[in-house]
Amino acid sequence: MAHNSIQLDLTGCKYYLEMQERIRQAFNFPQSYGANWHAFWDFLNTECPANRVVVIGIETLPKELQESLKMMQHYLEDFRKNRTETANPFSYVFLSADPTTN
C-alpha cells in the first residue's frame, strides 16, 4: 500500500479560482480540471492516489472562501468514507499555516 501525501497550501489565497488552481496543482490534476467542486469530486475519485491530504493556511482565507472550504471538507470526508473499508484508506487534516498554533 502506497503512503502518498498531498499538501495543499491555501495560505494567503484570496479568490475562488485561485483556490481551485492551487487544488489543481497540489493534486496534480490535468489542465482540463474544471475548477469547480463537481470536477474536484470526479478527479479526486479518478486521479488521486494519495492516502492523506494535508491542507494548511485555512485561517488566512477570507470570509468569501469559507463556504468553499466547507465544500472541500465535505468532499474529502465523503472520499474518506468511501475508502474506509478498502485496502487503500484515506485521511485528511486541516492545519494552521503557523505551526505554533497546531
Protein backbone atom coordinates (compact mmCIF):
# COMPACT_ATOMS: atom_id res chain seq x y z
CA MET A 1 0.00 0.00 0.00
CA ALA A 2 1.39 3.40 -1.02
CA HIS A 3 1.59 6.17 1.55
CA ASN A 4 1.42 9.20 -0.69
CA SER A 5 0.63 12.54 0.86
CA ILE A 6 -0.57 15.74 -0.78
CA GLN A 7 -0.04 19.12 0.82
CA LEU A 8 -2.43 21.86 -0.23
CA ASP A 9 -1.26 25.27 0.92
CA LEU A 10 -4.06 27.84 0.93
CA THR A 11 -2.07 30.47 2.82
CA GLY A 12 -2.99 33.90 1.52
CA CYS A 13 -5.44 32.58 -1.06
CA LYS A 14 -7.96 35.32 -1.81
CA TYR A 15 -10.17 34.12 -4.66
CA TYR A 16 -12.19 31.04 -5.60
CA LEU A 17 -10.36 30.43 -8.89
CA GLU A 18 -7.02 30.84 -7.13
CA MET A 19 -8.13 28.19 -4.62
CA GLN A 20 -9.14 25.87 -7.44
CA GLU A 21 -5.80 26.39 -9.22
CA ARG A 22 -3.91 25.58 -6.03
CA ILE A 23 -6.00 22.43 -5.73
CA ARG A 24 -5.25 21.50 -9.34
CA GLN A 25 -1.53 21.94 -8.82
CA ALA A 26 -1.32 20.22 -5.42
CA PHE A 27 -3.32 17.21 -6.59
CA ASN A 28 -1.53 17.20 -9.94
CA PHE A 29 -4.86 17.30 -11.77
CA PRO A 30 -4.60 17.93 -15.52
CA GLN A 31 -5.17 21.29 -17.18
CA SER A 32 -8.63 20.01 -18.11
CA TYR A 33 -9.66 20.15 -14.43
CA GLY A 34 -12.92 22.10 -14.39
CA ALA A 35 -12.15 24.34 -11.37
CA ASN A 36 -15.39 23.53 -9.55
CA TRP A 37 -16.47 21.18 -6.77
CA HIS A 38 -18.06 18.62 -9.09
CA ALA A 39 -14.78 18.38 -11.00
CA PHE A 40 -12.91 18.11 -7.69
CA TRP A 41 -15.04 15.12 -6.71
CA ASP A 42 -14.63 13.47 -10.11
CA PHE A 43 -10.86 13.92 -10.22
CA LEU A 44 -10.49 13.00 -6.56
CA ASN A 45 -12.08 9.65 -7.33
CA THR A 46 -10.15 9.01 -10.53
CA GLU A 47 -6.85 10.87 -10.26
CA CYS A 48 -5.90 10.85 -6.56
CA PRO A 49 -3.53 8.08 -5.47
CA ALA A 50 -2.81 9.79 -2.14
CA ASN A 51 -3.62 8.25 1.21
CA ARG A 52 -3.51 11.59 3.01
CA VAL A 53 -4.22 15.23 2.27
CA VAL A 54 -2.85 17.99 4.48
CA VAL A 55 -4.49 21.38 3.98
CA ILE A 56 -2.67 24.31 5.54
CA GLY A 57 -3.35 28.01 5.81
CA ILE A 58 -7.13 27.86 6.15
CA GLU A 59 -7.13 30.54 8.83
CA THR A 60 -5.83 33.03 6.24
CA LEU A 61 -8.81 32.58 3.91
CA PRO A 62 -11.24 35.49 3.59
CA LYS A 63 -14.86 35.06 4.63
CA GLU A 64 -15.83 34.77 0.97
CA LEU A 65 -13.98 31.43 0.73
CA GLN A 66 -15.32 29.85 3.91
CA GLU A 67 -18.21 28.18 2.07
CA SER A 68 -15.74 26.77 -0.47
CA LEU A 69 -13.64 25.43 2.38
CA LYS A 70 -16.73 23.66 3.75
CA MET A 71 -17.36 22.15 0.32
CA MET A 72 -13.80 20.87 0.13
CA GLN A 73 -14.11 19.31 3.58
CA HIS A 74 -17.43 17.72 2.60
CA TYR A 75 -15.89 16.06 -0.47
CA LEU A 76 -12.76 14.97 1.38
CA GLU A 77 -14.91 13.43 4.10
CA ASP A 78 -17.06 11.57 1.56
CA PHE A 79 -13.89 10.33 -0.14
CA ARG A 80 -12.53 9.18 3.24
CA LYS A 81 -15.74 7.30 4.00
CA ASN A 82 -15.72 5.64 0.58
CA ARG A 83 -12.18 4.38 1.14
CA THR A 84 -12.55 3.37 4.79
CA GLU A 85 -13.19 -0.27 4.04
CA THR A 86 -10.67 -0.60 1.23
CA ALA A 87 -7.05 -1.69 1.27
CA ASN A 88 -6.16 1.92 0.46
CA PRO A 89 -7.62 4.03 3.31
CA PHE A 90 -7.57 7.83 3.15
CA SER A 91 -7.30 10.62 5.69
CA TYR A 92 -7.11 14.38 5.65
CA VAL A 93 -6.27 17.13 8.10
CA PHE A 94 -6.61 20.90 8.16
CA LEU A 95 -3.70 22.70 9.82
CA SER A 96 -2.78 26.28 10.54
CA ALA A 97 -0.07 27.86 8.40
CA ASP A 98 1.52 28.88 11.68
CA PRO A 99 2.88 25.66 13.24
CA THR A 100 2.86 27.23 16.71
CA THR A 101 -0.97 27.19 16.67
CA ASN A 102 -1.37 23.48 15.75
